[in-house]
Amino acid sequence: MPTVKLTTEIFKEEIFDYTTQKEWNYKGKLPAIIDFYADWCGPCKAVAPVLEELSEDFKDKVVIYKVDTEVEQELSAVFRIRSIPSMLFIPMGKEPMMQAGALPKPALTEIIEKELL
């Protein structure tokens, strides 16, 4: 499954509607990673192919979304994105975890295996 572009509307429908709920309540059926990026960001461009590979490596186990911080400013503000890339790791039944920076594939694989699966 390739990475999926995520809009604020889709986020509210498929992930979590922060306008109606205060407590985190993930609506998804699989654990997820949300990559907050911008087209002009060098480290974001470096991590993009890694995320594509991971979306294949963990197909049907983890969903990887991408949020363009330039376009989805409301969503970026809700998560207080101050540096990019930033990734939100969403396990099933637990609180999400935010990680800033372009992580290498081995580190991302370890997070997926230890925290999401």
PDB file of N, CA and C in Angstrom:
ATOM      1  N   MET A   1       0.856  -1.178   0.000  1.00  0.00           N
ATOM      2  CA  MET A   1       0.000   0.000   0.000  1.00  0.00           C
ATOM      3  C   MET A   1       0.900   1.240   0.000  1.00  0.00           C
ATOM      4  N   PRO A   2       0.783   2.096  -1.000  1.00  0.00           N
ATOM      5  CA  PRO A   2       1.619   3.296  -1.021  1.00  0.00           C
ATOM      6  C   PRO A   2       1.197   4.272   0.080  1.00  0.00           C
ATOM      7  N   THR A   3       2.083   5.233   0.351  1.00  0.00           N
ATOM      8  CA  THR A   3       1.725   6.246   1.345  1.00  0.00           C
ATOM      9  C   THR A   3       0.505   7.017   0.851  1.00  0.00           C
ATOM     10  N   VAL A   4      -0.289   7.521   1.782  1.00  0.00           N
ATOM     11  CA  VAL A   4      -1.562   8.160   1.469  1.00  0.00           C
ATOM     12  C   VAL A   4      -1.503   9.638   1.855  1.00  0.00           C
ATOM     13  N   LYS A   5      -1.849  10.525   0.912  1.00  0.00           N
ATOM     14  CA  LYS A   5      -1.939  11.965   1.233  1.00  0.00           C
ATOM     15  C   LYS A   5      -3.115  12.165   2.183  1.00  0.00           C
ATOM     16  N   LEU A   6      -2.880  12.939   3.213  1.00  0.00           N
ATOM     17  CA  LEU A   6      -3.894  13.120   4.245  1.00  0.00           C
ATOM     18  C   LEU A   6      -4.291  14.592   4.328  1.00  0.00           C
ATOM     19  N   THR A   7      -5.593  14.843   4.236  1.00  0.00           N
ATOM     20  CA  THR A   7      -6.119  16.190   4.418  1.00  0.00           C
ATOM     21  C   THR A   7      -6.718  16.292   5.824  1.00  0.00           C
ATOM     22  N   THR A   8      -7.006  17.491   6.244  1.00  0.00           N
ATOM     23  CA  THR A   8      -7.634  17.700   7.549  1.00  0.00           C
ATOM     24  C   THR A   8      -8.967  16.967   7.622  1.00  0.00           C
ATOM     25  N   GLU A   9      -9.755  17.031   6.534  1.00  0.00           N
ATOM     26  CA  GLU A   9     -11.070  16.375   6.520  1.00  0.00           C
ATOM     27  C   GLU A   9     -10.932  14.861   6.658  1.00  0.00           C
ATOM     28  N   ILE A  10      -9.994  14.268   5.894  1.00  0.00           N
ATOM     29  CA  ILE A  10      -9.798  12.814   5.983  1.00  0.00           C
ATOM     30  C   ILE A  10      -9.282  12.442   7.369  1.00  0.00           C
ATOM     31  N   PHE A  11      -8.400  13.279   7.929  1.00  0.00           N
ATOM     32  CA  PHE A  11      -7.890  13.015   9.272  1.00  0.00           C
ATOM     33  C   PHE A  11      -9.044  12.918  10.266  1.00  0.00           C
ATOM     34  N   LYS A  12      -9.965  13.878  10.206  1.00  0.00           N
ATOM     35  CA  LYS A  12     -11.101  13.878  11.138  1.00  0.00           C
ATOM     36  C   LYS A  12     -12.009  12.674  10.919  1.00  0.00           C
ATOM     37  N   GLU A  13     -12.165  12.241   9.668  1.00  0.00           N
ATOM     38  CA  GLU A  13     -13.036  11.096   9.369  1.00  0.00           C
ATOM     39  C   GLU A  13     -12.393   9.759   9.727  1.00  0.00           C
ATOM     40  N   GLU A  14     -11.108   9.583   9.404  1.00  0.00           N
ATOM     41  CA  GLU A  14     -10.483   8.261   9.486  1.00  0.00           C
ATOM     42  C   GLU A  14      -9.540   8.070  10.666  1.00  0.00           C
ATOM     43  N   ILE A  15      -9.054   9.161  11.258  1.00  0.00           N
ATOM     44  CA  ILE A  15      -8.054   9.038  12.322  1.00  0.00           C
ATOM     45  C   ILE A  15      -8.635   9.465  13.670  1.00  0.00           C
ATOM     46  N   PHE A  16      -8.940  10.764  13.777  1.00  0.00           N
ATOM     47  CA  PHE A  16      -9.426  11.305  15.045  1.00  0.00           C
ATOM     48  C   PHE A  16     -10.044  12.677  14.791  1.00  0.00           C
ATOM     49  N   ASP A  17     -11.252  12.875  15.294  1.00  0.00           N
ATOM     50  CA  ASP A  17     -11.909  14.170  15.118  1.00  0.00           C
ATOM     51  C   ASP A  17     -11.671  15.018  16.361  1.00  0.00           C
ATOM     52  N   TYR A  18     -10.631  15.834  16.304  1.00  0.00           N
ATOM     53  CA  TYR A  18     -10.247  16.680  17.438  1.00  0.00           C
ATOM     54  C   TYR A  18     -11.229  17.825  17.671  1.00  0.00           C
ATOM     55  N   THR A  19     -12.177  18.034  16.740  1.00  0.00           N
ATOM     56  CA  THR A  19     -13.157  19.101  16.940  1.00  0.00           C
ATOM     57  C   THR A  19     -14.329  18.641  17.803  1.00  0.00           C
ATOM     58  N   THR A  20     -14.541  17.332  17.900  1.00  0.00           N
ATOM     59  CA  THR A  20     -15.666  16.827  18.687  1.00  0.00           C
ATOM     60  C   THR A  20     -15.236  16.010  19.900  1.00  0.00           C
ATOM     61  N   GLN A  21     -13.965  15.575  19.938  1.00  0.00           N
ATOM     62  CA  GLN A  21     -13.500  14.744  21.041  1.00  0.00           C
ATOM     63  C   GLN A  21     -12.250  15.343  21.665  1.00  0.00           C
ATOM     64  N   LYS A  22     -12.145  15.216  22.965  1.00  0.00           N
ATOM     65  CA  LYS A  22     -10.959  15.713  23.671  1.00  0.00           C
ATOM     66  C   LYS A  22      -9.971  14.585  23.910  1.00  0.00           C
ATOM     67  N   GLU A  23     -10.463  13.415  24.281  1.00  0.00           N
ATOM     68  CA  GLU A  23      -9.595  12.268  24.547  1.00  0.00           C
ATOM     69  C   GLU A  23      -9.249  11.576  23.237  1.00  0.00           C
ATOM     70  N   TRP A  24      -7.973  11.226  23.071  1.00  0.00           N
ATOM     71  CA  TRP A  24      -7.529  10.536  21.862  1.00  0.00           C
ATOM     72  C   TRP A  24      -8.326   9.255  21.672  1.00  0.00           C
ATOM     73  N   ASN A  25      -8.893   9.089  20.480  1.00  0.00           N
ATOM     74  CA  ASN A  25      -9.667   7.896  20.156  1.00  0.00           C
ATOM     75  C   ASN A  25      -9.432   7.593  18.684  1.00  0.00           C
ATOM     76  N   TYR A  26      -8.431   6.779  18.408  1.00  0.00           N
ATOM     77  CA  TYR A  26      -8.039   6.457  17.039  1.00  0.00           C
ATOM     78  C   TYR A  26      -9.108   5.607  16.359  1.00  0.00           C
ATOM     79  N   LYS A  27      -9.563   6.064  15.181  1.00  0.00           N
ATOM     80  CA  LYS A  27     -10.627   5.374  14.449  1.00  0.00           C
ATOM     81  C   LYS A  27     -10.111   4.304  13.490  1.00  0.00           C
ATOM     82  N   GLY A  28      -8.818   4.293  13.241  1.00  0.00           N
ATOM     83  CA  GLY A  28      -8.251   3.393  12.230  1.00  0.00           C
ATOM     84  C   GLY A  28      -8.307   1.930  12.605  1.00  0.00           C
ATOM     85  N   LYS A  29      -8.155   1.088  11.599  1.00  0.00           N
ATOM     86  CA  LYS A  29      -8.174  -0.373  11.786  1.00  0.00           C
ATOM     87  C   LYS A  29      -6.765  -0.946  11.897  1.00  0.00           C
ATOM     88  N   LEU A  30      -5.766  -0.169  11.471  1.00  0.00           N
ATOM     89  CA  LEU A  30      -4.363  -0.581  11.534  1.00  0.00           C
ATOM     90  C   LEU A  30      -3.551   0.521  12.200  1.00  0.00           C
ATOM     91  N   PRO A  31      -2.418   0.169  12.830  1.00  0.00           N
ATOM     92  CA  PRO A  31      -1.532   1.212  13.340  1.00  0.00           C
ATOM     93  C   PRO A  31      -1.114   2.124  12.181  1.00  0.00           C
ATOM     94  N   ALA A  32      -0.704   3.346  12.505  1.00  0.00           N
ATOM     95  CA  ALA A  32      -0.388   4.299  11.436  1.00  0.00           C
ATOM     96  C   ALA A  32       0.813   5.153  11.789  1.00  0.00           C
ATOM     97  N   ILE A  33       1.404   5.699  10.727  1.00  0.00           N
ATOM     98  CA  ILE A  33       2.436   6.721  10.855  1.00  0.00           C
ATOM     99  C   ILE A  33       1.953   7.901  10.021  1.00  0.00           C
ATOM    100  N   ILE A  34       2.031   9.092  10.588  1.00  0.00           N
ATOM    101  CA  ILE A  34       1.704  10.294   9.823  1.00  0.00           C
ATOM    102  C   ILE A  34       2.980  11.109   9.690  1.00  0.00           C
ATOM    103  N   ASP A  35       3.404  11.321   8.454  1.00  0.00           N
ATOM    104  CA  ASP A  35       4.610  12.078   8.143  1.00  0.00           C
ATOM    105  C   ASP A  35       4.205  13.508   7.814  1.00  0.00           C
ATOM    106  N   PHE A  36       4.608  14.457   8.660  1.00  0.00           N
ATOM    107  CA  PHE A  36       4.374  15.878   8.404  1.00  0.00           C
ATOM    108  C   PHE A  36       5.593  16.395   7.638  1.00  0.00           C
ATOM    109  N   TYR A  37       5.379  16.899   6.428  1.00  0.00           N
ATOM    110  CA  TYR A  37       6.486  17.279   5.553  1.00  0.00           C
ATOM    111  C   TYR A  37       6.156  18.559   4.782  1.00  0.00           C
ATOM    112  N   ALA A  38       7.138  19.054   4.032  1.00  0.00           N
ATOM    113  CA  ALA A  38       6.931  20.141   3.064  1.00  0.00           C
ATOM    114  C   ALA A  38       7.760  19.815   1.824  1.00  0.00           C
ATOM    115  N   ASP A  39       7.276  20.225   0.664  1.00  0.00           N
ATOM    116  CA  ASP A  39       7.959  19.912  -0.593  1.00  0.00           C
ATOM    117  C   ASP A  39       9.359  20.512  -0.668  1.00  0.00           C
ATOM    118  N   TRP A  40       9.588  21.655  -0.021  1.00  0.00           N
ATOM    119  CA  TRP A  40      10.877  22.336  -0.085  1.00  0.00           C
ATOM    120  C   TRP A  40      11.907  21.796   0.909  1.00  0.00           C
ATOM    121  N   CYS A  41      11.507  20.886   1.774  1.00  0.00           N
ATOM    122  CA  CYS A  41      12.342  20.387   2.876  1.00  0.00           C
ATOM    123  C   CYS A  41      13.248  19.243   2.415  1.00  0.00           C
ATOM    124  N   GLY A  42      14.562  19.468   2.450  1.00  0.00           N
ATOM    125  CA  GLY A  42      15.529  18.450   2.035  1.00  0.00           C
ATOM    126  C   GLY A  42      15.430  17.152   2.823  1.00  0.00           C
ATOM    127  N   PRO A  43      15.470  17.209   4.168  1.00  0.00           N
ATOM    128  CA  PRO A  43      15.342  15.967   4.945  1.00  0.00           C
ATOM    129  C   PRO A  43      14.016  15.241   4.680  1.00  0.00           C
ATOM    130  N   CYS A  44      12.952  16.001   4.402  1.00  0.00           N
ATOM    131  CA  CYS A  44      11.655  15.381   4.085  1.00  0.00           C
ATOM    132  C   CYS A  44      11.767  14.577   2.786  1.00  0.00           C
ATOM    133  N   LYS A  45      12.456  15.151   1.803  1.00  0.00           N
ATOM    134  CA  LYS A  45      12.645  14.456   0.526  1.00  0.00           C
ATOM    135  C   LYS A  45      13.482  13.200   0.708  1.00  0.00           C
ATOM    136  N   ALA A  46      14.441  13.252   1.631  1.00  0.00           N
ATOM    137  CA  ALA A  46      15.297  12.087   1.884  1.00  0.00           C
ATOM    138  C   ALA A  46      14.519  10.948   2.536  1.00  0.00           C
ATOM    139  N   VAL A  47      13.572  11.286   3.415  1.00  0.00           N
ATOM    140  CA  VAL A  47      12.837  10.245   4.141  1.00  0.00           C
ATOM    141  C   VAL A  47      11.655   9.699   3.322  1.00  0.00           C
ATOM    142  N   ALA A  48      11.196  10.437   2.320  1.00  0.00           N
ATOM    143  CA  ALA A  48      10.025  10.014   1.533  1.00  0.00           C
ATOM    144  C   ALA A  48      10.192   8.619   0.906  1.00  0.00           C
ATOM    145  N   PRO A  49      11.313   8.323   0.217  1.00  0.00           N
ATOM    146  CA  PRO A  49      11.439   6.975  -0.360  1.00  0.00           C
ATOM    147  C   PRO A  49      11.532   5.885   0.700  1.00  0.00           C
ATOM    148  N   VAL A  50      12.088   6.218   1.861  1.00  0.00           N
ATOM    149  CA  VAL A  50      12.161   5.250   2.964  1.00  0.00           C
ATOM    150  C   VAL A  50      10.752   4.895   3.422  1.00  0.00           C
ATOM    151  N   LEU A  51       9.897   5.906   3.546  1.00  0.00           N
ATOM    152  CA  LEU A  51       8.510   5.648   3.952  1.00  0.00           C
ATOM    153  C   LEU A  51       7.767   4.837   2.902  1.00  0.00           C
ATOM    154  N   GLU A  52       8.047   5.083   1.618  1.00  0.00           N
ATOM    155  CA  GLU A  52       7.431   4.277   0.553  1.00  0.00           C
ATOM    156  C   GLU A  52       7.851   2.813   0.696  1.00  0.00           C
ATOM    157  N   GLU A  53       9.148   2.591   0.965  1.00  0.00           N
ATOM    158  CA  GLU A  53       9.641   1.216   1.161  1.00  0.00           C
ATOM    159  C   GLU A  53       8.956   0.565   2.360  1.00  0.00           C
ATOM    160  N   LEU A  54       8.856   1.315   3.452  1.00  0.00           N
ATOM    161  CA  LEU A  54       8.226   0.772   4.656  1.00  0.00           C
ATOM    162  C   LEU A  54       6.749   0.473   4.422  1.00  0.00           C
ATOM    163  N   SER A  55       6.089   1.290   3.583  1.00  0.00           N
ATOM    164  CA  SER A  55       4.672   1.029   3.307  1.00  0.00           C
ATOM    165  C   SER A  55       4.517  -0.294   2.561  1.00  0.00           C
ATOM    166  N   GLU A  56       5.542  -0.679   1.790  1.00  0.00           N
ATOM    167  CA  GLU A  56       5.527  -1.989   1.124  1.00  0.00           C
ATOM    168  C   GLU A  56       5.928  -3.091   2.108  1.00  0.00           C
ATOM    169  N   ASP A  57       6.992  -2.840   2.895  1.00  0.00           N
ATOM    170  CA  ASP A  57       7.484  -3.839   3.858  1.00  0.00           C
ATOM    171  C   ASP A  57       6.409  -4.234   4.863  1.00  0.00           C
ATOM    172  N   PHE A  58       5.588  -3.267   5.259  1.00  0.00           N
ATOM    173  CA  PHE A  58       4.571  -3.516   6.293  1.00  0.00           C
ATOM    174  C   PHE A  58       3.157  -3.383   5.729  1.00  0.00           C
ATOM    175  N   LYS A  59       3.021  -3.709   4.440  1.00  0.00           N
ATOM    176  CA  LYS A  59       1.718  -3.651   3.776  1.00  0.00           C
ATOM    177  C   LYS A  59       0.713  -4.491   4.563  1.00  0.00           C
ATOM    178  N   ASP A  60      -0.498  -3.969   4.735  1.00  0.00           N
ATOM    179  CA  ASP A  60      -1.586  -4.621   5.475  1.00  0.00           C
ATOM    180  C   ASP A  60      -1.329  -4.726   6.977  1.00  0.00           C
ATOM    181  N   LYS A  61      -0.250  -4.066   7.466  1.00  0.00           N
ATOM    182  CA  LYS A  61       0.025  -4.058   8.901  1.00  0.00           C
ATOM    183  C   LYS A  61       0.060  -2.646   9.469  1.00  0.00           C
ATOM    184  N   VAL A  62       0.544  -1.691   8.648  1.00  0.00           N
ATOM    185  CA  VAL A  62       0.678  -0.299   9.074  1.00  0.00           C
ATOM    186  C   VAL A  62       0.292   0.596   7.896  1.00  0.00           C
ATOM    187  N   VAL A  63      -0.447   1.674   8.182  1.00  0.00           N
ATOM    188  CA  VAL A  63      -0.797   2.656   7.155  1.00  0.00           C
ATOM    189  C   VAL A  63       0.131   3.855   7.335  1.00  0.00           C
ATOM    190  N   ILE A  64       0.715   4.326   6.240  1.00  0.00           N
ATOM    191  CA  ILE A  64       1.581   5.496   6.309  1.00  0.00           C
ATOM    192  C   ILE A  64       0.927   6.641   5.543  1.00  0.00           C
ATOM    193  N   TYR A  65       0.662   7.710   6.282  1.00  0.00           N
ATOM    194  CA  TYR A  65       0.035   8.907   5.712  1.00  0.00           C
ATOM    195  C   TYR A  65       1.072  10.017   5.590  1.00  0.00           C
ATOM    196  N   LYS A  66       0.827  10.942   4.669  1.00  0.00           N
ATOM    197  CA  LYS A  66       1.680  12.113   4.503  1.00  0.00           C
ATOM    198  C   LYS A  66       0.813  13.365   4.594  1.00  0.00           C
ATOM    199  N   VAL A  67       1.278  14.341   5.393  1.00  0.00           N
ATOM    200  CA  VAL A  67       0.575  15.607   5.538  1.00  0.00           C
ATOM    201  C   VAL A  67       1.502  16.727   5.071  1.00  0.00           C
ATOM    202  N   ASP A  68       1.085  17.436   4.021  1.00  0.00           N
ATOM    203  CA  ASP A  68       1.835  18.593   3.529  1.00  0.00           C
ATOM    204  C   ASP A  68       1.535  19.761   4.468  1.00  0.00           C
ATOM    205  N   THR A  69       2.526  20.151   5.256  1.00  0.00           N
ATOM    206  CA  THR A  69       2.315  21.186   6.271  1.00  0.00           C
ATOM    207  C   THR A  69       1.997  22.548   5.663  1.00  0.00           C
ATOM    208  N   GLU A  70       2.392  22.770   4.417  1.00  0.00           N
ATOM    209  CA  GLU A  70       2.096  24.043   3.744  1.00  0.00           C
ATOM    210  C   GLU A  70       0.610  24.127   3.383  1.00  0.00           C
ATOM    211  N   VAL A  71       0.027  22.990   3.042  1.00  0.00           N
ATOM    212  CA  VAL A  71      -1.374  22.936   2.622  1.00  0.00           C
ATOM    213  C   VAL A  71      -2.297  22.742   3.825  1.00  0.00           C
ATOM    214  N   GLU A  72      -1.934  21.816   4.700  1.00  0.00           N
ATOM    215  CA  GLU A  72      -2.784  21.455   5.847  1.00  0.00           C
ATOM    216  C   GLU A  72      -2.302  22.168   7.106  1.00  0.00           C
ATOM    217  N   GLN A  73      -2.448  23.499   7.107  1.00  0.00           N
ATOM    218  CA  GLN A  73      -1.927  24.289   8.218  1.00  0.00           C
ATOM    219  C   GLN A  73      -2.705  24.069   9.513  1.00  0.00           C
ATOM    220  N   GLU A  74      -3.997  23.816   9.402  1.00  0.00           N
ATOM    221  CA  GLU A  74      -4.796  23.554  10.613  1.00  0.00           C
ATOM    222  C   GLU A  74      -4.301  22.298  11.315  1.00  0.00           C
ATOM    223  N   LEU A  75      -4.108  21.240  10.543  1.00  0.00           N
ATOM    224  CA  LEU A  75      -3.643  19.971  11.100  1.00  0.00           C
ATOM    225  C   LEU A  75      -2.242  20.129  11.696  1.00  0.00           C
ATOM    226  N   SER A  76      -1.387  20.868  11.013  1.00  0.00           N
ATOM    227  CA  SER A  76      -0.036  21.120  11.529  1.00  0.00           C
ATOM    228  C   SER A  76      -0.099  21.885  12.845  1.00  0.00           C
ATOM    229  N   ALA A  77      -1.022  22.827  12.956  1.00  0.00           N
ATOM    230  CA  ALA A  77      -1.172  23.605  14.184  1.00  0.00           C
ATOM    231  C   ALA A  77      -1.706  22.744  15.322  1.00  0.00           C
ATOM    232  N   VAL A  78      -2.658  21.871  15.033  1.00  0.00           N
ATOM    233  CA  VAL A  78      -3.235  20.998  16.056  1.00  0.00           C
ATOM    234  C   VAL A  78      -2.137  20.152  16.710  1.00  0.00           C
ATOM    235  N   PHE A  79      -1.175  19.682  15.906  1.00  0.00           N
ATOM    236  CA  PHE A  79      -0.089  18.848  16.433  1.00  0.00           C
ATOM    237  C   PHE A  79       1.164  19.656  16.768  1.00  0.00           C
ATOM    238  N   ARG A  80       1.038  20.991  16.696  1.00  0.00           N
ATOM    239  CA  ARG A  80       2.140  21.886  17.055  1.00  0.00           C
ATOM    240  C   ARG A  80       3.430  21.517  16.321  1.00  0.00           C
ATOM    241  N   ILE A  81       3.323  21.333  15.035  1.00  0.00           N
ATOM    242  CA  ILE A  81       4.495  20.985  14.234  1.00  0.00           C
ATOM    243  C   ILE A  81       5.376  22.223  14.106  1.00  0.00           C
ATOM    244  N   ARG A  82       6.584  22.129  14.649  1.00  0.00           N
ATOM    245  CA  ARG A  82       7.525  23.251  14.591  1.00  0.00           C
ATOM    246  C   ARG A  82       8.722  22.933  13.718  1.00  0.00           C
ATOM    247  N   SER A  83       9.018  21.664  13.544  1.00  0.00           N
ATOM    248  CA  SER A  83      10.119  21.279  12.661  1.00  0.00           C
ATOM    249  C   SER A  83       9.653  20.101  11.816  1.00  0.00           C
ATOM    250  N   ILE A  84      10.181  20.059  10.597  1.00  0.00           N
ATOM    251  CA  ILE A  84       9.831  18.972   9.699  1.00  0.00           C
ATOM    252  C   ILE A  84      11.111  18.331   9.174  1.00  0.00           C
ATOM    253  N   PRO A  85      11.074  17.049   8.871  1.00  0.00           N
ATOM    254  CA  PRO A  85       9.903  16.192   9.046  1.00  0.00           C
ATOM    255  C   PRO A  85       9.629  15.893  10.521  1.00  0.00           C
ATOM    256  N   SER A  86       8.368  15.699  10.824  1.00  0.00           N
ATOM    257  CA  SER A  86       7.931  15.180  12.118  1.00  0.00           C
ATOM    258  C   SER A  86       6.996  14.022  11.827  1.00  0.00           C
ATOM    259  N   MET A  87       7.086  12.984  12.640  1.00  0.00           N
ATOM    260  CA  MET A  87       6.235  11.811  12.417  1.00  0.00           C
ATOM    261  C   MET A  87       5.440  11.500  13.667  1.00  0.00           C
ATOM    262  N   LEU A  88       4.162  11.231  13.440  1.00  0.00           N
ATOM    263  CA  LEU A  88       3.274  10.810  14.509  1.00  0.00           C
ATOM    264  C   LEU A  88       3.064   9.312  14.355  1.00  0.00           C
ATOM    265  N   PHE A  89       3.472   8.553  15.376  1.00  0.00           N
ATOM    266  CA  PHE A  89       3.304   7.101  15.379  1.00  0.00           C
ATOM    267  C   PHE A  89       2.043   6.784  16.168  1.00  0.00           C
ATOM    268  N   ILE A  90       1.108   6.070  15.540  1.00  0.00           N
ATOM    269  CA  ILE A  90      -0.184   5.797  16.165  1.00  0.00           C
ATOM    270  C   ILE A  90      -0.362   4.289  16.352  1.00  0.00           C
ATOM    271  N   PRO A  91      -0.100   3.797  17.568  1.00  0.00           N
ATOM    272  CA  PRO A  91      -0.350   2.383  17.841  1.00  0.00           C
ATOM    273  C   PRO A  91      -1.841   2.158  18.105  1.00  0.00           C
ATOM    274  N   MET A  92      -2.255   0.921  18.079  1.00  0.00           N
ATOM    275  CA  MET A  92      -3.648   0.583  18.385  1.00  0.00           C
ATOM    276  C   MET A  92      -3.825   0.585  19.904  1.00  0.00           C
ATOM    277  N   GLY A  93      -4.835   1.310  20.395  1.00  0.00           N
ATOM    278  CA  GLY A  93      -5.190   1.264  21.808  1.00  0.00           C
ATOM    279  C   GLY A  93      -4.248   1.979  22.750  1.00  0.00           C
ATOM    280  N   LYS A  94      -3.289   2.756  22.201  1.00  0.00           N
ATOM    281  CA  LYS A  94      -2.369   3.507  23.055  1.00  0.00           C
ATOM    282  C   LYS A  94      -2.272   4.930  22.531  1.00  0.00           C
ATOM    283  N   GLU A  95      -1.651   5.788  23.330  1.00  0.00           N
ATOM    284  CA  GLU A  95      -1.467   7.180  22.927  1.00  0.00           C
ATOM    285  C   GLU A  95      -0.462   7.266  21.775  1.00  0.00           C
ATOM    286  N   PRO A  96      -0.672   8.216  20.870  1.00  0.00           N
ATOM    287  CA  PRO A  96       0.295   8.401  19.780  1.00  0.00           C
ATOM    288  C   PRO A  96       1.583   9.036  20.295  1.00  0.00           C
ATOM    289  N   MET A  97       2.653   8.853  19.531  1.00  0.00           N
ATOM    290  CA  MET A  97       3.961   9.392  19.907  1.00  0.00           C
ATOM    291  C   MET A  97       4.487  10.235  18.747  1.00  0.00           C
ATOM    292  N   MET A  98       4.979  11.439  19.046  1.00  0.00           N
ATOM    293  CA  MET A  98       5.536  12.324  18.019  1.00  0.00           C
ATOM    294  C   MET A  98       7.052  12.237  18.053  1.00  0.00           C
ATOM    295  N   GLN A  99       7.651  12.199  16.870  1.00  0.00           N
ATOM    296  CA  GLN A  99       9.105  12.171  16.746  1.00  0.00           C
ATOM    297  C   GLN A  99       9.505  13.145  15.651  1.00  0.00           C
ATOM    298  N   ALA A 100      10.357  14.111  15.989  1.00  0.00           N
ATOM    299  CA  ALA A 100      10.835  15.069  14.984  1.00  0.00           C
ATOM    300  C   ALA A 100      12.133  14.558  14.372  1.00  0.00           C
ATOM    301  N   GLY A 101      12.364  14.922  13.122  1.00  0.00           N
ATOM    302  CA  GLY A 101      13.607  14.576  12.455  1.00  0.00           C
ATOM    303  C   GLY A 101      13.450  13.463  11.437  1.00  0.00           C
ATOM    304  N   ALA A 102      14.412  13.411  10.529  1.00  0.00           N
ATOM    305  CA  ALA A 102      14.422  12.385   9.482  1.00  0.00           C
ATOM    306  C   ALA A 102      15.132  11.155  10.027  1.00  0.00           C
ATOM    307  N   LEU A 103      14.372  10.161  10.392  1.00  0.00           N
ATOM    308  CA  LEU A 103      14.947   8.944  10.950  1.00  0.00           C
ATOM    309  C   LEU A 103      15.365   7.992   9.826  1.00  0.00           C
ATOM    310  N   PRO A 104      16.481   7.270  10.009  1.00  0.00           N
ATOM    311  CA  PRO A 104      16.879   6.282   9.009  1.00  0.00           C
ATOM    312  C   PRO A 104      15.951   5.067   9.051  1.00  0.00           C
ATOM    313  N   LYS A 105      15.981   4.302   7.963  1.00  0.00           N
ATOM    314  CA  LYS A 105      15.088   3.144   7.842  1.00  0.00           C
ATOM    315  C   LYS A 105      15.209   2.163   9.018  1.00  0.00           C
ATOM    316  N   PRO A 106      16.429   1.814   9.480  1.00  0.00           N
ATOM    317  CA  PRO A 106      16.505   0.875  10.615  1.00  0.00           C
ATOM    318  C   PRO A 106      15.790   1.396  11.864  1.00  0.00           C
ATOM    319  N   ALA A 107      15.900   2.692  12.130  1.00  0.00           N
ATOM    320  CA  ALA A 107      15.232   3.264  13.309  1.00  0.00           C
ATOM    321  C   ALA A 107      13.720   3.228  13.141  1.00  0.00           C
ATOM    322  N   LEU A 108      13.243   3.574  11.947  1.00  0.00           N
ATOM    323  CA  LEU A 108      11.793   3.533  11.691  1.00  0.00           C
ATOM    324  C   LEU A 108      11.268   2.102  11.773  1.00  0.00           C
ATOM    325  N   THR A 109      12.017   1.154  11.232  1.00  0.00           N
ATOM    326  CA  THR A 109      11.617  -0.257  11.293  1.00  0.00           C
ATOM    327  C   THR A 109      11.514  -0.712  12.739  1.00  0.00           C
ATOM    328  N   GLU A 110      12.475  -0.317  13.554  1.00  0.00           N
ATOM    329  CA  GLU A 110      12.474  -0.711  14.972  1.00  0.00           C
ATOM    330  C   GLU A 110      11.258  -0.130  15.694  1.00  0.00           C
ATOM    331  N   ILE A 111      10.942   1.139  15.433  1.00  0.00           N
ATOM    332  CA  ILE A 111       9.765   1.767  16.062  1.00  0.00           C
ATOM    333  C   ILE A 111       8.498   1.020  15.636  1.00  0.00           C
ATOM    334  N   ILE A 112       8.380   0.717  14.346  1.00  0.00           N
ATOM    335  CA  ILE A 112       7.192   0.003  13.862  1.00  0.00           C
ATOM    336  C   ILE A 112       7.066  -1.344  14.563  1.00  0.00           C
ATOM    337  N   GLU A 113       8.175  -2.101  14.603  1.00  0.00           N
ATOM    338  CA  GLU A 113       8.130  -3.449  15.184  1.00  0.00           C
ATOM    339  C   GLU A 113       7.901  -3.441  16.689  1.00  0.00           C
ATOM    340  N   LYS A 114       8.490  -2.482  17.402  1.00  0.00           N
ATOM    341  CA  LYS A 114       8.380  -2.454  18.874  1.00  0.00           C
ATOM    342  C   LYS A 114       7.142  -1.736  19.377  1.00  0.00           C
ATOM    343  N   GLU A 115       6.755  -0.648  18.690  1.00  0.00           N
ATOM    344  CA  GLU A 115       5.688   0.198  19.206  1.00  0.00           C
ATOM    345  C   GLU A 115       4.333   0.032  18.504  1.00  0.00           C
ATOM    346  N   LEU A 116       4.364  -0.355  17.225  1.00  0.00           N
ATOM    347  CA  LEU A 116       3.110  -0.372  16.465  1.00  0.00           C
ATOM    348  C   LEU A 116       2.537  -1.765  16.242  1.00  0.00           C
ATOM    349  N   LEU A 117       3.392  -2.769  16.148  1.00  0.00           N
ATOM    350  CA  LEU A 117       2.861  -4.117  15.832  1.00  0.00           C
ATOM    351  C   LEU A 117       2.631  -4.965  17.060  1.00  0.00           C
TER     352      LEU A 117
END
